[in-house]
Amino acid sequence: MRSIVLFLAAAVLEIGGAWLVWQGVRENRGLLWIGGGVIALGLYGFVATLQPDAHFGRILAAYGGVFVAGSLAWGVIADGYRPDRYDVIGAFLCLAGVSVIMYAPRS
């Protein structure tokens, strides 16, 4: 459960940070938005280190799937994006990959 909460926190920080930078630059919202995004992106890097698994490659590979699904969800909530069925299928495939990478039984 801890790793799921950390993945969600990391997603909010990374996707939210990137969105803030995007808003600051592409939507001309200014340096405060960009600065907030940079801070959030830095915090994302810290949160990723709190995962209980000790393998950097495994954590970041699994997080990639969370990032894909989270990015689509962020677009729906923050920008009114409407994913098509292929977006949704792809997100579910990514989350299935997260499950295999992180939670498969290992000896």
Protein backbone atom coordinates (compact mmCIF):
# COMPACT_ATOMS: atom_id res chain seq x y z
CA MET A 1 0.00 0.00 0.00
CA ARG A 2 2.86 2.37 0.83
CA SER A 3 4.33 2.03 -2.66
CA ILE A 4 0.97 2.82 -4.28
CA VAL A 5 0.59 6.00 -2.21
CA LEU A 6 4.16 7.00 -3.10
CA PHE A 7 3.53 6.35 -6.80
CA LEU A 8 0.42 8.55 -6.65
CA ALA A 9 2.31 11.32 -4.81
CA ALA A 10 5.15 11.11 -7.33
CA ALA A 11 2.67 11.34 -10.20
CA VAL A 12 0.96 14.42 -8.78
CA LEU A 13 4.33 16.12 -8.26
CA GLU A 14 5.87 15.21 -11.61
CA ILE A 15 2.81 15.66 -13.80
CA GLY A 16 1.66 18.70 -11.84
CA GLY A 17 5.14 20.20 -12.01
CA ALA A 18 5.41 19.65 -15.73
CA TRP A 19 1.90 21.09 -16.17
CA LEU A 20 2.87 24.20 -14.18
CA VAL A 21 5.97 24.72 -16.34
CA TRP A 22 3.83 24.18 -19.45
CA GLN A 23 1.32 26.75 -18.21
CA GLY A 24 4.07 29.22 -17.36
CA VAL A 25 5.79 28.94 -20.73
CA ARG A 26 3.16 27.92 -23.27
CA GLU A 27 0.23 29.78 -21.74
CA ASN A 28 2.30 32.82 -20.68
CA ARG A 29 1.38 32.55 -17.00
CA GLY A 30 4.81 33.65 -15.86
CA LEU A 31 7.75 32.82 -13.68
CA LEU A 32 5.78 31.94 -10.54
CA TRP A 33 4.09 29.09 -12.37
CA ILE A 34 7.41 27.95 -13.80
CA GLY A 35 9.10 28.18 -10.40
CA GLY A 36 6.31 26.22 -8.76
CA GLY A 37 6.69 23.57 -11.44
CA VAL A 38 10.44 23.34 -10.93
CA ILE A 39 9.95 22.90 -7.17
CA ALA A 40 7.31 20.20 -7.70
CA LEU A 41 9.59 18.36 -10.13
CA GLY A 42 12.39 18.44 -7.57
CA LEU A 43 10.08 17.07 -4.90
CA TYR A 44 9.05 14.28 -7.27
CA GLY A 45 12.67 13.14 -7.41
CA PHE A 46 12.78 13.01 -3.63
CA VAL A 47 9.48 11.12 -3.27
CA ALA A 48 10.71 8.44 -5.67
CA THR A 49 13.54 7.63 -3.24
CA LEU A 50 11.04 6.75 -0.50
CA GLN A 51 9.81 3.61 -2.26
CA PRO A 52 10.37 0.46 -0.17
CA ASP A 53 12.01 -1.41 -3.08
CA ALA A 54 15.73 -0.66 -3.30
CA HIS A 55 16.11 -1.05 -7.08
CA PHE A 56 16.17 2.30 -8.90
CA GLY A 57 15.55 0.74 -12.32
CA ARG A 58 12.53 -1.22 -11.12
CA ILE A 59 10.98 1.78 -9.38
CA LEU A 60 11.41 4.12 -12.35
CA ALA A 61 10.28 1.50 -14.86
CA ALA A 62 7.12 0.82 -12.88
CA TYR A 63 6.55 4.52 -12.29
CA GLY A 64 6.56 4.99 -16.07
CA GLY A 65 3.24 3.16 -16.23
CA VAL A 66 1.81 5.28 -13.44
CA PHE A 67 3.01 8.38 -15.28
CA VAL A 68 1.23 7.35 -18.49
CA ALA A 69 -2.11 6.71 -16.79
CA GLY A 70 -1.72 9.73 -14.52
CA SER A 71 -0.93 12.03 -17.41
CA LEU A 72 -4.12 11.06 -19.18
CA ALA A 73 -6.12 11.51 -15.96
CA TRP A 74 -4.50 14.93 -15.37
CA GLY A 75 -5.43 15.97 -18.89
CA VAL A 76 -9.05 15.00 -18.25
CA ILE A 77 -9.22 16.90 -14.96
CA ALA A 78 -7.07 19.97 -15.70
CA ASP A 79 -7.47 20.50 -19.43
CA GLY A 80 -10.75 18.88 -20.42
CA TYR A 81 -8.95 16.26 -22.53
CA ARG A 82 -11.13 13.38 -23.68
CA PRO A 83 -9.11 10.19 -24.09
CA ASP A 84 -10.23 7.78 -26.76
CA ARG A 85 -10.54 4.05 -26.24
CA TYR A 86 -6.94 3.48 -27.33
CA ASP A 87 -5.69 5.92 -24.70
CA VAL A 88 -7.68 4.05 -22.06
CA ILE A 89 -6.56 0.61 -23.25
CA GLY A 90 -2.95 1.79 -23.33
CA ALA A 91 -3.20 3.21 -19.81
CA PHE A 92 -4.62 -0.06 -18.49
CA LEU A 93 -1.83 -2.00 -20.20
CA CYS A 94 0.72 0.30 -18.57
CA LEU A 95 -0.86 -0.21 -15.15
CA ALA A 96 -0.85 -3.96 -15.71
CA GLY A 97 2.88 -3.64 -16.39
CA VAL A 98 3.30 -1.73 -13.13
CA SER A 99 1.60 -4.59 -11.30
CA VAL A 100 3.88 -7.19 -12.83
CA ILE A 101 7.07 -5.18 -12.28
CA MET A 102 6.33 -4.14 -8.70
CA TYR A 103 4.12 -6.79 -7.18
CA ALA A 104 4.99 -10.11 -8.81
CA PRO A 105 6.22 -12.66 -6.27
CA ARG A 106 10.00 -12.87 -6.22
CA SER A 107 12.30 -15.20 -4.39
